[in-house]
Amino acid sequence: MRKTLSHGTTTAAYYATVDVASTNLLADLCLAAGQRALVGRVCMDERGMCPDWYRDGSAREGVDRARESAEYIARVDAGRGLVRAVVTPRFAPSCSPEMLRGLGELAREKGLHVQTHISENEGEIGLVREMFPEDESYAGVYDRFGLLGERTILAHAVHLSEEEVRLIRERGAKVSHCPCSNSSITSGEARVRWLMDSGVTCGLGTDMSGGYSPSVLEAARQALLVSRHVAMKGEEKAKLSVEEVLYLATRGGAEVVGLGGKVGGFEVGMEWDAQLVVLGNVDGEGEGEDGDVDVFGWESWEERVAKWLFNGDDRNTRKVWVKGRLVHERK
């Protein structure tokens, strides 16, 4: 989490492991570092979808361990409002119907967020269709087991049907767009403009397994680039602007993790989650000479922001605060 903090990520949603101890340790480390976080013990019990050494022995075992970790995280956070547990079925094919049902019940009982994957690639969608033939869609699987609601975070959402988008909007579920991961493993290009125009709340994810960068700023510029690839297929309006991808990285992300109206902006009354960004002068004088962003002095505010989006990195992030506490400083 110190790496993500150094890139200005004040809040992260983490997929941990199947191990309760390591999941709880991750929560401890986030608290010590001062990062807001949703920490989820990954649940998966479906034989054949993962090796024996990395899955739950049964649906009941997986749900019980998820409960154990959730209760631990609630205790150690102790009302500070920094770290929350999140119910984490890895994705539908890795979980039996019994596990999905149990996790849905756990999420409702504890009022927890849910994070999982949906429609990342076409092969995965075909697998879901084979494993859950009684459901009309991938989104329908989650809905049947009570895992699709206002606290649900759906990663990827590359190949959703119109009916699935309607269902996701009606349930109030949110989408975490992961452009770097989707491009790196050739999953496809999420139609983010279409999702937003359809009333689905979207934010950004780095997906540091399929993706290669811990930076949400990198995810923002990748999102802008991917939107242009969608536009090249005939959807001209699919193009996202600099302002829109930065919205996805800030306010959109806050909405996705249930912090809308609390963080992601600077209105009076919001909590101080912020980063100090310093840009370089071409003469090399003063602070900000590090990094690839050069400021000549004639740029407008909008141009400076665009330069930072396209060329900025962690060297430009000098300080990071969470809830008013300084949690990272670049010397």
C-alpha atoms as a PDB file:
ATOM      1  CA  MET A   1       0.000   0.000   0.000  1.00  0.00           C
ATOM      2  CA  ARG A   2       2.952   2.357   0.398  1.00  0.00           C
ATOM      3  CA  LYS A   3       3.557   2.029  -3.323  1.00  0.00           C
ATOM      4  CA  THR A   4      -0.039   2.935  -4.150  1.00  0.00           C
ATOM      5  CA  LEU A   5       0.066   5.804  -1.650  1.00  0.00           C
ATOM      6  CA  SER A   6       3.182   7.142  -3.368  1.00  0.00           C
ATOM      7  CA  HIS A   7       1.122   7.375  -6.554  1.00  0.00           C
ATOM      8  CA  GLY A   8      -1.603   9.357  -4.790  1.00  0.00           C
ATOM      9  CA  THR A   9      -4.068   6.526  -4.163  1.00  0.00           C
ATOM     10  CA  THR A  10      -5.819   7.513  -0.954  1.00  0.00           C
ATOM     11  CA  THR A  11      -8.374   4.673  -1.145  1.00  0.00           C
ATOM     12  CA  ALA A  12      -7.893   1.187  -2.565  1.00  0.00           C
ATOM     13  CA  ALA A  13     -10.018  -1.935  -2.917  1.00  0.00           C
ATOM     14  CA  TYR A  14      -7.767  -4.936  -2.358  1.00  0.00           C
ATOM     15  CA  TYR A  15      -8.267  -8.564  -3.302  1.00  0.00           C
ATOM     16  CA  ALA A  16      -6.172 -10.298  -0.645  1.00  0.00           C
ATOM     17  CA  THR A  17      -5.724 -14.099  -0.507  1.00  0.00           C
ATOM     18  CA  VAL A  18      -7.721 -17.112   0.679  1.00  0.00           C
ATOM     19  CA  ASP A  19      -5.707 -17.028   3.889  1.00  0.00           C
ATOM     20  CA  VAL A  20      -7.390 -15.255   6.805  1.00  0.00           C
ATOM     21  CA  ALA A  21      -4.125 -14.332   8.525  1.00  0.00           C
ATOM     22  CA  SER A  22      -2.614 -12.645   5.468  1.00  0.00           C
ATOM     23  CA  THR A  23      -5.874 -10.844   4.722  1.00  0.00           C
ATOM     24  CA  ASN A  24      -6.027  -9.537   8.266  1.00  0.00           C
ATOM     25  CA  LEU A  25      -2.380  -8.528   8.087  1.00  0.00           C
ATOM     26  CA  LEU A  26      -3.110  -6.498   4.961  1.00  0.00           C
ATOM     27  CA  ALA A  27      -5.835  -4.659   6.877  1.00  0.00           C
ATOM     28  CA  ASP A  28      -3.362  -4.007   9.725  1.00  0.00           C
ATOM     29  CA  LEU A  29      -0.806  -2.617   7.290  1.00  0.00           C
ATOM     30  CA  CYS A  30      -3.339  -0.323   5.633  1.00  0.00           C
ATOM     31  CA  LEU A  31      -4.309   1.039   9.043  1.00  0.00           C
ATOM     32  CA  ALA A  32      -0.678   1.588   9.986  1.00  0.00           C
ATOM     33  CA  ALA A  33       0.033   3.350   6.696  1.00  0.00           C
ATOM     34  CA  GLY A  34      -3.108   5.465   6.983  1.00  0.00           C
ATOM     35  CA  GLN A  35      -4.658   4.404   3.681  1.00  0.00           C
ATOM     36  CA  ARG A  36      -8.394   3.989   3.273  1.00  0.00           C
ATOM     37  CA  ALA A  37      -9.021   0.469   2.056  1.00  0.00           C
ATOM     38  CA  LEU A  38     -11.589  -2.179   1.321  1.00  0.00           C
ATOM     39  CA  VAL A  39      -9.847  -5.460   2.123  1.00  0.00           C
ATOM     40  CA  GLY A  40     -11.370  -8.723   0.970  1.00  0.00           C
ATOM     41  CA  ARG A  41     -10.487 -12.304   1.714  1.00  0.00           C
ATOM     42  CA  VAL A  42     -10.806 -14.000  -1.682  1.00  0.00           C
ATOM     43  CA  CYS A  43     -13.383 -16.812  -1.726  1.00  0.00           C
ATOM     44  CA  MET A  44     -13.337 -19.728  -4.178  1.00  0.00           C
ATOM     45  CA  ASP A  45     -14.322 -23.335  -3.680  1.00  0.00           C
ATOM     46  CA  GLU A  46     -15.104 -24.680  -7.161  1.00  0.00           C
ATOM     47  CA  ARG A  47     -12.916 -27.694  -7.923  1.00  0.00           C
ATOM     48  CA  GLY A  48     -11.160 -27.487 -11.268  1.00  0.00           C
ATOM     49  CA  MET A  49     -11.154 -23.690 -11.280  1.00  0.00           C
ATOM     50  CA  CYS A  50      -8.179 -23.303  -8.936  1.00  0.00           C
ATOM     51  CA  PRO A  51      -5.532 -25.587  -7.400  1.00  0.00           C
ATOM     52  CA  ASP A  52      -6.331 -27.479  -4.204  1.00  0.00           C
ATOM     53  CA  TRP A  53      -3.785 -25.468  -2.216  1.00  0.00           C
ATOM     54  CA  TYR A  54      -5.484 -22.206  -3.178  1.00  0.00           C
ATOM     55  CA  ARG A  55      -9.162 -22.763  -2.603  1.00  0.00           C
ATOM     56  CA  ASP A  56     -11.655 -23.281   0.196  1.00  0.00           C
ATOM     57  CA  GLY A  57     -12.393 -26.839   1.243  1.00  0.00           C
ATOM     58  CA  SER A  58     -16.114 -26.187   1.078  1.00  0.00           C
ATOM     59  CA  ALA A  59     -18.642 -23.403   0.613  1.00  0.00           C
ATOM     60  CA  ARG A  60     -19.328 -23.270   4.350  1.00  0.00           C
ATOM     61  CA  GLU A  61     -15.637 -23.067   5.150  1.00  0.00           C
ATOM     62  CA  GLY A  62     -15.172 -20.185   2.708  1.00  0.00           C
ATOM     63  CA  VAL A  63     -18.119 -18.201   4.055  1.00  0.00           C
ATOM     64  CA  ASP A  64     -17.044 -18.787   7.657  1.00  0.00           C
ATOM     65  CA  ARG A  65     -13.521 -17.605   6.916  1.00  0.00           C
ATOM     66  CA  ALA A  66     -14.837 -14.549   5.134  1.00  0.00           C
ATOM     67  CA  ARG A  67     -16.954 -13.787   8.202  1.00  0.00           C
ATOM     68  CA  GLU A  68     -13.964 -14.281  10.490  1.00  0.00           C
ATOM     69  CA  SER A  69     -11.876 -11.819   8.517  1.00  0.00           C
ATOM     70  CA  ALA A  70     -14.711  -9.286   8.245  1.00  0.00           C
ATOM     71  CA  GLU A  71     -15.241  -9.334  12.010  1.00  0.00           C
ATOM     72  CA  TYR A  72     -11.512  -8.908  12.629  1.00  0.00           C
ATOM     73  CA  ILE A  73     -11.308  -5.911  10.286  1.00  0.00           C
ATOM     74  CA  ALA A  74     -14.294  -4.261  11.988  1.00  0.00           C
ATOM     75  CA  ARG A  75     -12.582  -4.687  15.357  1.00  0.00           C
ATOM     76  CA  VAL A  76      -9.188  -3.299  14.380  1.00  0.00           C
ATOM     77  CA  ASP A  77     -10.634  -0.336  12.490  1.00  0.00           C
ATOM     78  CA  ALA A  78     -12.588   0.444  15.659  1.00  0.00           C
ATOM     79  CA  GLY A  79     -14.767   3.101  14.074  1.00  0.00           C
ATOM     80  CA  ARG A  80     -11.925   5.063  12.483  1.00  0.00           C
ATOM     81  CA  GLY A  81     -13.571   4.727   9.092  1.00  0.00           C
ATOM     82  CA  LEU A  82     -10.378   3.784   7.280  1.00  0.00           C
ATOM     83  CA  VAL A  83     -10.448   0.053   6.594  1.00  0.00           C
ATOM     84  CA  ARG A  84     -13.550  -1.963   5.767  1.00  0.00           C
ATOM     85  CA  ALA A  85     -14.065  -5.607   4.915  1.00  0.00           C
ATOM     86  CA  VAL A  86     -15.464  -6.433   1.487  1.00  0.00           C
ATOM     87  CA  VAL A  87     -17.065  -9.733   0.483  1.00  0.00           C
ATOM     88  CA  THR A  88     -14.930 -11.082  -2.369  1.00  0.00           C
ATOM     89  CA  PRO A  89     -16.083 -14.001  -4.493  1.00  0.00           C
ATOM     90  CA  ARG A  90     -13.184 -14.137  -6.940  1.00  0.00           C
ATOM     91  CA  PHE A  91     -15.620 -14.492  -9.837  1.00  0.00           C
ATOM     92  CA  ALA A  92     -18.677 -16.621 -10.478  1.00  0.00           C
ATOM     93  CA  PRO A  93     -16.924 -19.637 -12.088  1.00  0.00           C
ATOM     94  CA  SER A  94     -14.601 -20.032  -9.102  1.00  0.00           C
ATOM     95  CA  CYS A  95     -17.498 -20.359  -6.651  1.00  0.00           C
ATOM     96  CA  SER A  96     -20.181 -22.975  -6.148  1.00  0.00           C
ATOM     97  CA  PRO A  97     -23.821 -21.853  -5.962  1.00  0.00           C
ATOM     98  CA  GLU A  98     -23.735 -22.635  -2.247  1.00  0.00           C
ATOM     99  CA  MET A  99     -20.792 -20.302  -1.708  1.00  0.00           C
ATOM    100  CA  LEU A 100     -22.312 -17.503  -3.772  1.00  0.00           C
ATOM    101  CA  ARG A 101     -25.545 -17.794  -1.793  1.00  0.00           C
ATOM    102  CA  GLY A 102     -23.704 -17.778   1.518  1.00  0.00           C
ATOM    103  CA  LEU A 103     -21.600 -14.764   0.570  1.00  0.00           C
ATOM    104  CA  GLY A 104     -24.704 -12.873  -0.508  1.00  0.00           C
ATOM    105  CA  GLU A 105     -26.274 -13.568   2.874  1.00  0.00           C
ATOM    106  CA  LEU A 106     -23.084 -12.481   4.665  1.00  0.00           C
ATOM    107  CA  ALA A 107     -22.953  -9.208   2.734  1.00  0.00           C
ATOM    108  CA  ARG A 108     -26.562  -8.423   3.634  1.00  0.00           C
ATOM    109  CA  GLU A 109     -26.147  -9.417   7.277  1.00  0.00           C
ATOM    110  CA  LYS A 110     -23.045  -7.285   7.820  1.00  0.00           C
ATOM    111  CA  GLY A 111     -23.902  -4.467   5.405  1.00  0.00           C
ATOM    112  CA  LEU A 112     -20.681  -5.098   3.498  1.00  0.00           C
ATOM    113  CA  HIS A 113     -19.555  -4.140   0.038  1.00  0.00           C
ATOM    114  CA  VAL A 114     -19.064  -6.879  -2.550  1.00  0.00           C
ATOM    115  CA  GLN A 115     -16.264  -6.933  -5.105  1.00  0.00           C
ATOM    116  CA  THR A 116     -15.911  -9.389  -7.960  1.00  0.00           C
ATOM    117  CA  HIS A 117     -15.260  -9.704 -11.700  1.00  0.00           C
ATOM    118  CA  ILE A 118     -17.745  -9.640 -14.538  1.00  0.00           C
ATOM    119  CA  SER A 119     -17.539 -10.138 -18.318  1.00  0.00           C
ATOM    120  CA  GLU A 120     -13.790  -9.661 -18.521  1.00  0.00           C
ATOM    121  CA  ASN A 121     -13.376 -11.797 -21.629  1.00  0.00           C
ATOM    122  CA  GLU A 122     -15.576 -13.825 -23.952  1.00  0.00           C
ATOM    123  CA  GLY A 123     -14.218 -17.211 -22.877  1.00  0.00           C
ATOM    124  CA  GLU A 124     -15.132 -16.436 -19.281  1.00  0.00           C
ATOM    125  CA  ILE A 125     -18.668 -15.510 -20.313  1.00  0.00           C
ATOM    126  CA  GLY A 126     -19.010 -18.832 -22.118  1.00  0.00           C
ATOM    127  CA  LEU A 127     -17.799 -20.649 -19.012  1.00  0.00           C
ATOM    128  CA  VAL A 128     -20.395 -18.873 -16.862  1.00  0.00           C
ATOM    129  CA  ARG A 129     -23.083 -19.872 -19.346  1.00  0.00           C
ATOM    130  CA  GLU A 130     -22.038 -23.524 -19.066  1.00  0.00           C
ATOM    131  CA  MET A 131     -21.808 -23.514 -15.265  1.00  0.00           C
ATOM    132  CA  PHE A 132     -24.987 -21.531 -14.601  1.00  0.00           C
ATOM    133  CA  PRO A 133     -27.360 -22.513 -17.433  1.00  0.00           C
ATOM    134  CA  GLU A 134     -30.428 -21.492 -15.429  1.00  0.00           C
ATOM    135  CA  ASP A 135     -29.360 -17.832 -15.449  1.00  0.00           C
ATOM    136  CA  GLU A 136     -29.921 -15.566 -18.426  1.00  0.00           C
ATOM    137  CA  SER A 137     -26.668 -13.653 -17.998  1.00  0.00           C
ATOM    138  CA  TYR A 138     -23.450 -13.264 -16.024  1.00  0.00           C
ATOM    139  CA  ALA A 139     -24.945 -10.330 -14.120  1.00  0.00           C
ATOM    140  CA  GLY A 140     -28.011 -12.456 -13.499  1.00  0.00           C
ATOM    141  CA  VAL A 141     -25.900 -15.007 -11.618  1.00  0.00           C
ATOM    142  CA  TYR A 142     -24.804 -12.410  -9.101  1.00  0.00           C
ATOM    143  CA  ASP A 143     -28.303 -11.028  -8.862  1.00  0.00           C
ATOM    144  CA  ARG A 144     -29.811 -14.439  -8.100  1.00  0.00           C
ATOM    145  CA  PHE A 145     -27.485 -14.899  -5.145  1.00  0.00           C
ATOM    146  CA  GLY A 146     -27.955 -11.417  -3.675  1.00  0.00           C
ATOM    147  CA  LEU A 147     -24.541 -10.149  -4.736  1.00  0.00           C
ATOM    148  CA  LEU A 148     -25.704  -7.394  -7.063  1.00  0.00           C
ATOM    149  CA  GLY A 149     -26.637  -4.196  -5.269  1.00  0.00           C
ATOM    150  CA  GLU A 150     -25.670  -0.637  -4.413  1.00  0.00           C
ATOM    151  CA  ARG A 151     -22.538  -1.838  -2.602  1.00  0.00           C
ATOM    152  CA  THR A 152     -21.328  -4.049  -5.456  1.00  0.00           C
ATOM    153  CA  ILE A 153     -18.094  -3.275  -7.298  1.00  0.00           C
ATOM    154  CA  LEU A 154     -17.850  -5.061 -10.654  1.00  0.00           C
ATOM    155  CA  ALA A 155     -14.378  -5.150 -12.199  1.00  0.00           C
ATOM    156  CA  HIS A 156     -13.940  -5.002 -15.998  1.00  0.00           C
ATOM    157  CA  ALA A 157     -17.475  -5.173 -17.497  1.00  0.00           C
ATOM    158  CA  VAL A 158     -16.020  -5.375 -21.001  1.00  0.00           C
ATOM    159  CA  HIS A 159     -18.666  -7.463 -22.760  1.00  0.00           C
ATOM    160  CA  LEU A 160     -21.944  -6.631 -21.034  1.00  0.00           C
ATOM    161  CA  SER A 161     -25.215  -6.944 -22.903  1.00  0.00           C
ATOM    162  CA  GLU A 162     -27.821  -4.185 -22.893  1.00  0.00           C
ATOM    163  CA  GLU A 163     -29.994  -6.280 -20.594  1.00  0.00           C
ATOM    164  CA  GLU A 164     -27.126  -6.709 -18.140  1.00  0.00           C
ATOM    165  CA  VAL A 165     -26.444  -2.975 -18.127  1.00  0.00           C
ATOM    166  CA  ARG A 166     -30.108  -2.351 -17.383  1.00  0.00           C
ATOM    167  CA  LEU A 167     -30.001  -4.823 -14.489  1.00  0.00           C
ATOM    168  CA  ILE A 168     -26.772  -3.340 -13.087  1.00  0.00           C
ATOM    169  CA  ARG A 169     -28.249   0.160 -13.256  1.00  0.00           C
ATOM    170  CA  GLU A 170     -31.475  -0.932 -11.561  1.00  0.00           C
ATOM    171  CA  ARG A 171     -29.584  -2.631  -8.754  1.00  0.00           C
ATOM    172  CA  GLY A 172     -27.264   0.359  -8.325  1.00  0.00           C
ATOM    173  CA  ALA A 173     -24.075  -1.698  -8.771  1.00  0.00           C
ATOM    174  CA  LYS A 174     -20.894   0.103  -9.857  1.00  0.00           C
ATOM    175  CA  VAL A 175     -18.179  -0.681 -12.419  1.00  0.00           C
ATOM    176  CA  SER A 176     -14.405  -0.497 -11.947  1.00  0.00           C
ATOM    177  CA  HIS A 177     -12.913   0.036 -15.412  1.00  0.00           C
ATOM    178  CA  CYS A 178      -9.452  -1.577 -15.721  1.00  0.00           C
ATOM    179  CA  PRO A 179      -8.072  -0.378 -19.087  1.00  0.00           C
ATOM    180  CA  CYS A 180      -4.463  -1.471 -18.585  1.00  0.00           C
ATOM    181  CA  SER A 181      -5.386  -5.018 -17.573  1.00  0.00           C
ATOM    182  CA  ASN A 182      -7.997  -5.388 -20.303  1.00  0.00           C
ATOM    183  CA  SER A 183      -5.472  -4.280 -22.912  1.00  0.00           C
ATOM    184  CA  SER A 184      -2.529  -6.246 -21.547  1.00  0.00           C
ATOM    185  CA  ILE A 185      -4.299  -9.608 -21.596  1.00  0.00           C
ATOM    186  CA  THR A 186      -6.361  -8.697 -24.691  1.00  0.00           C
ATOM    187  CA  SER A 187      -9.706  -9.032 -22.933  1.00  0.00           C
ATOM    188  CA  GLY A 188     -11.326  -6.270 -24.950  1.00  0.00           C
ATOM    189  CA  GLU A 189     -12.268  -2.613 -24.666  1.00  0.00           C
ATOM    190  CA  ALA A 190     -14.914  -1.580 -22.162  1.00  0.00           C
ATOM    191  CA  ARG A 191     -17.434   0.892 -23.589  1.00  0.00           C
ATOM    192  CA  VAL A 192     -17.254   3.331 -20.716  1.00  0.00           C
ATOM    193  CA  ARG A 193     -19.159   6.136 -22.451  1.00  0.00           C
ATOM    194  CA  TRP A 194     -22.000   3.711 -23.121  1.00  0.00           C
ATOM    195  CA  LEU A 195     -22.000   2.539 -19.507  1.00  0.00           C
ATOM    196  CA  MET A 196     -22.099   6.084 -18.148  1.00  0.00           C
ATOM    197  CA  ASP A 197     -24.740   7.200 -20.627  1.00  0.00           C
ATOM    198  CA  SER A 198     -26.773   4.169 -19.525  1.00  0.00           C
ATOM    199  CA  GLY A 199     -26.703   5.406 -15.938  1.00  0.00           C
ATOM    200  CA  VAL A 200     -24.001   3.098 -14.551  1.00  0.00           C
ATOM    201  CA  THR A 201     -21.533   4.672 -12.104  1.00  0.00           C
ATOM    202  CA  CYS A 202     -17.932   4.022 -13.142  1.00  0.00           C
ATOM    203  CA  GLY A 203     -14.505   4.445 -11.596  1.00  0.00           C
ATOM    204  CA  LEU A 204     -11.011   3.194 -12.392  1.00  0.00           C
ATOM    205  CA  GLY A 205      -9.039   0.136 -11.322  1.00  0.00           C
ATOM    206  CA  THR A 206      -5.383  -0.713 -11.767  1.00  0.00           C
ATOM    207  CA  ASP A 207      -5.901  -4.510 -11.473  1.00  0.00           C
ATOM    208  CA  MET A 208      -2.316  -5.206 -10.525  1.00  0.00           C
ATOM    209  CA  SER A 209      -2.251  -8.754 -11.822  1.00  0.00           C
ATOM    210  CA  GLY A 210      -3.414  -8.377 -15.366  1.00  0.00           C
ATOM    211  CA  GLY A 211      -2.209  -4.776 -15.351  1.00  0.00           C
ATOM    212  CA  TYR A 212       1.325  -3.560 -14.812  1.00  0.00           C
ATOM    213  CA  SER A 213       1.103  -0.216 -13.012  1.00  0.00           C
ATOM    214  CA  PRO A 214      -0.026   0.681  -9.460  1.00  0.00           C
ATOM    215  CA  SER A 215      -0.814   4.230 -10.608  1.00  0.00           C
ATOM    216  CA  VAL A 216      -4.409   5.425 -10.984  1.00  0.00           C
ATOM    217  CA  LEU A 217      -3.008   8.303 -13.050  1.00  0.00           C
ATOM    218  CA  GLU A 218      -1.687   5.685 -15.465  1.00  0.00           C
ATOM    219  CA  ALA A 219      -5.114   4.040 -15.447  1.00  0.00           C
ATOM    220  CA  ALA A 220      -6.673   7.405 -16.321  1.00  0.00           C
ATOM    221  CA  ARG A 221      -4.502   7.921 -19.396  1.00  0.00           C
ATOM    222  CA  GLN A 222      -5.028   4.310 -20.406  1.00  0.00           C
ATOM    223  CA  ALA A 223      -8.781   4.870 -20.099  1.00  0.00           C
ATOM    224  CA  LEU A 224      -8.504   7.861 -22.401  1.00  0.00           C
ATOM    225  CA  LEU A 225      -6.520   5.806 -24.932  1.00  0.00           C
ATOM    226  CA  VAL A 226      -8.882   2.818 -24.792  1.00  0.00           C
ATOM    227  CA  SER A 227     -11.846   5.115 -25.385  1.00  0.00           C
ATOM    228  CA  ARG A 228     -10.224   6.164 -28.631  1.00  0.00           C
ATOM    229  CA  HIS A 229      -9.868   2.575 -29.730  1.00  0.00           C
ATOM    230  CA  VAL A 230     -13.599   2.155 -29.116  1.00  0.00           C
ATOM    231  CA  ALA A 231     -14.186   5.302 -31.170  1.00  0.00           C
ATOM    232  CA  MET A 232     -12.139   3.862 -34.050  1.00  0.00           C
ATOM    233  CA  LYS A 233     -14.706   1.077 -34.281  1.00  0.00           C
ATOM    234  CA  GLY A 234     -17.353   3.583 -35.241  1.00  0.00           C
ATOM    235  CA  GLU A 235     -18.434   5.026 -31.895  1.00  0.00           C
ATOM    236  CA  GLU A 236     -17.081   8.559 -32.229  1.00  0.00           C
ATOM    237  CA  LYS A 237     -18.814   9.744 -29.072  1.00  0.00           C
ATOM    238  CA  ALA A 238     -16.982   7.047 -27.086  1.00  0.00           C
ATOM    239  CA  LYS A 239     -13.954   9.315 -26.694  1.00  0.00           C
ATOM    240  CA  LEU A 240     -13.349  10.387 -23.111  1.00  0.00           C
ATOM    241  CA  SER A 241     -11.772  13.743 -22.292  1.00  0.00           C
ATOM    242  CA  VAL A 242      -8.931  14.561 -19.898  1.00  0.00           C
ATOM    243  CA  GLU A 243     -11.467  15.923 -17.444  1.00  0.00           C
ATOM    244  CA  GLU A 244     -13.660  12.840 -17.693  1.00  0.00           C
ATOM    245  CA  VAL A 245     -10.922  10.297 -17.021  1.00  0.00           C
ATOM    246  CA  LEU A 246      -9.704  12.352 -14.061  1.00  0.00           C
ATOM    247  CA  TYR A 247     -13.311  12.374 -12.838  1.00  0.00           C
ATOM    248  CA  LEU A 248     -13.309   8.566 -13.058  1.00  0.00           C
ATOM    249  CA  ALA A 249     -10.065   8.526 -11.043  1.00  0.00           C
ATOM    250  CA  THR A 250     -11.448  10.749  -8.276  1.00  0.00           C
ATOM    251  CA  ARG A 251     -15.164  11.356  -7.812  1.00  0.00           C
ATOM    252  CA  GLY A 252     -16.123   8.297  -9.842  1.00  0.00           C
ATOM    253  CA  GLY A 253     -13.853   6.087  -7.779  1.00  0.00           C
ATOM    254  CA  ALA A 254     -15.257   7.548  -4.576  1.00  0.00           C
ATOM    255  CA  GLU A 255     -18.780   6.677  -5.692  1.00  0.00           C
ATOM    256  CA  VAL A 256     -17.730   3.138  -6.612  1.00  0.00           C
ATOM    257  CA  VAL A 257     -16.319   2.378  -3.144  1.00  0.00           C
ATOM    258  CA  GLY A 258     -19.190   4.005  -1.285  1.00  0.00           C
ATOM    259  CA  LEU A 259     -17.473   7.276  -0.379  1.00  0.00           C
ATOM    260  CA  GLY A 260     -19.319   9.635  -2.692  1.00  0.00           C
ATOM    261  CA  GLY A 261     -19.880  13.015  -1.078  1.00  0.00           C
ATOM    262  CA  LYS A 262     -17.127  12.302   1.452  1.00  0.00           C
ATOM    263  CA  VAL A 263     -13.966  12.255  -0.684  1.00  0.00           C
ATOM    264  CA  GLY A 264     -13.017  12.825  -4.307  1.00  0.00           C
ATOM    265  CA  GLY A 265     -13.498  16.606  -4.302  1.00  0.00           C
ATOM    266  CA  PHE A 266     -12.785  19.776  -2.343  1.00  0.00           C
ATOM    267  CA  GLU A 267     -16.230  21.026  -1.323  1.00  0.00           C
ATOM    268  CA  VAL A 268     -16.628  22.371   2.184  1.00  0.00           C
ATOM    269  CA  GLY A 269     -17.453  19.538   4.547  1.00  0.00           C
ATOM    270  CA  MET A 270     -15.634  16.803   2.623  1.00  0.00           C
ATOM    271  CA  GLU A 271     -12.734  14.965   4.219  1.00  0.00           C
ATOM    272  CA  TRP A 272      -9.218  16.017   3.254  1.00  0.00           C
ATOM    273  CA  ASP A 273      -7.981  13.208   1.025  1.00  0.00           C
ATOM    274  CA  ALA A 274      -5.598  14.946  -1.360  1.00  0.00           C
ATOM    275  CA  GLN A 275      -2.226  14.941  -3.035  1.00  0.00           C
ATOM    276  CA  LEU A 276       0.186  17.801  -3.684  1.00  0.00           C
ATOM    277  CA  VAL A 277       1.282  17.683  -7.308  1.00  0.00           C
ATOM    278  CA  VAL A 278       4.421  19.593  -8.292  1.00  0.00           C
ATOM    279  CA  LEU A 279       5.290  20.063 -11.955  1.00  0.00           C
ATOM    280  CA  GLY A 280       8.717  20.835 -13.405  1.00  0.00           C
ATOM    281  CA  ASN A 281       9.946  24.127 -14.822  1.00  0.00           C
ATOM    282  CA  VAL A 282      11.942  23.941 -18.035  1.00  0.00           C
ATOM    283  CA  ASP A 283      14.690  26.086 -16.514  1.00  0.00           C
ATOM    284  CA  GLY A 284      15.164  23.476 -13.796  1.00  0.00           C
ATOM    285  CA  GLU A 285      14.926  26.036 -11.006  1.00  0.00           C
ATOM    286  CA  GLY A 286      13.024  25.477  -7.793  1.00  0.00           C
ATOM    287  CA  GLU A 287      10.936  22.480  -6.821  1.00  0.00           C
ATOM    288  CA  GLY A 288       9.512  20.134  -9.401  1.00  0.00           C
ATOM    289  CA  GLU A 289      12.517  19.605 -11.633  1.00  0.00           C
ATOM    290  CA  ASP A 290      12.080  15.830 -11.416  1.00  0.00           C
ATOM    291  CA  GLY A 291       9.739  13.994 -13.729  1.00  0.00           C
ATOM    292  CA  ASP A 292       8.669  14.213 -17.342  1.00  0.00           C
ATOM    293  CA  VAL A 293       6.249  17.144 -17.082  1.00  0.00           C
ATOM    294  CA  ASP A 294       7.771  20.422 -18.273  1.00  0.00           C
ATOM    295  CA  VAL A 295       6.016  23.721 -17.629  1.00  0.00           C
ATOM    296  CA  PHE A 296       7.056  26.686 -19.779  1.00  0.00           C
ATOM    297  CA  GLY A 297       4.980  29.241 -17.941  1.00  0.00           C
ATOM    298  CA  TRP A 298       2.452  30.138 -20.645  1.00  0.00           C
ATOM    299  CA  GLU A 299       0.170  27.156 -20.087  1.00  0.00           C
ATOM    300  CA  SER A 300      -3.392  27.567 -18.879  1.00  0.00           C
ATOM    301  CA  TRP A 301      -4.607  25.606 -15.850  1.00  0.00           C
ATOM    302  CA  GLU A 302      -6.305  23.099 -18.157  1.00  0.00           C
ATOM    303  CA  GLU A 303      -3.100  22.629 -20.167  1.00  0.00           C
ATOM    304  CA  ARG A 304      -1.056  22.006 -17.039  1.00  0.00           C
ATOM    305  CA  VAL A 305      -3.548  19.399 -15.861  1.00  0.00           C
ATOM    306  CA  ALA A 306      -3.432  17.720 -19.280  1.00  0.00           C
ATOM    307  CA  LYS A 307       0.388  17.668 -19.234  1.00  0.00           C
ATOM    308  CA  TRP A 308       0.277  16.000 -15.832  1.00  0.00           C
ATOM    309  CA  LEU A 309      -2.231  13.417 -17.046  1.00  0.00           C
ATOM    310  CA  PHE A 310      -0.178  12.439 -20.075  1.00  0.00           C
ATOM    311  CA  ASN A 311       3.344  12.584 -18.604  1.00  0.00           C
ATOM    312  CA  GLY A 312       3.022  12.640 -14.819  1.00  0.00           C
ATOM    313  CA  ASP A 313       4.115   9.917 -12.418  1.00  0.00           C
ATOM    314  CA  ASP A 314       4.881   9.385  -8.733  1.00  0.00           C
ATOM    315  CA  ARG A 315       7.787  11.855  -8.896  1.00  0.00           C
ATOM    316  CA  ASN A 316       5.233  14.645  -9.203  1.00  0.00           C
ATOM    317  CA  THR A 317       3.284  13.456  -6.148  1.00  0.00           C
ATOM    318  CA  ARG A 318       5.079  15.247  -3.336  1.00  0.00           C
ATOM    319  CA  LYS A 319       2.635  14.782  -0.471  1.00  0.00           C
ATOM    320  CA  VAL A 320      -0.471  12.692   0.158  1.00  0.00           C
ATOM    321  CA  TRP A 321      -3.060  13.175   2.910  1.00  0.00           C
ATOM    322  CA  VAL A 322      -5.865  10.875   4.071  1.00  0.00           C
ATOM    323  CA  LYS A 323      -8.476  12.314   6.451  1.00  0.00           C
ATOM    324  CA  GLY A 324      -6.131  15.255   6.996  1.00  0.00           C
ATOM    325  CA  ARG A 325      -3.197  13.075   8.019  1.00  0.00           C
ATOM    326  CA  LEU A 326       0.038  13.269   6.001  1.00  0.00           C
ATOM    327  CA  VAL A 327       0.622   9.658   4.937  1.00  0.00           C
ATOM    328  CA  HIS A 328       3.264  10.076   2.219  1.00  0.00           C
ATOM    329  CA  GLU A 329       5.957  12.633   1.497  1.00  0.00           C
ATOM    330  CA  ARG A 330       8.513  12.471  -1.283  1.00  0.00           C
ATOM    331  CA  LYS A 331      11.836  13.835  -0.083  1.00  0.00           C
END
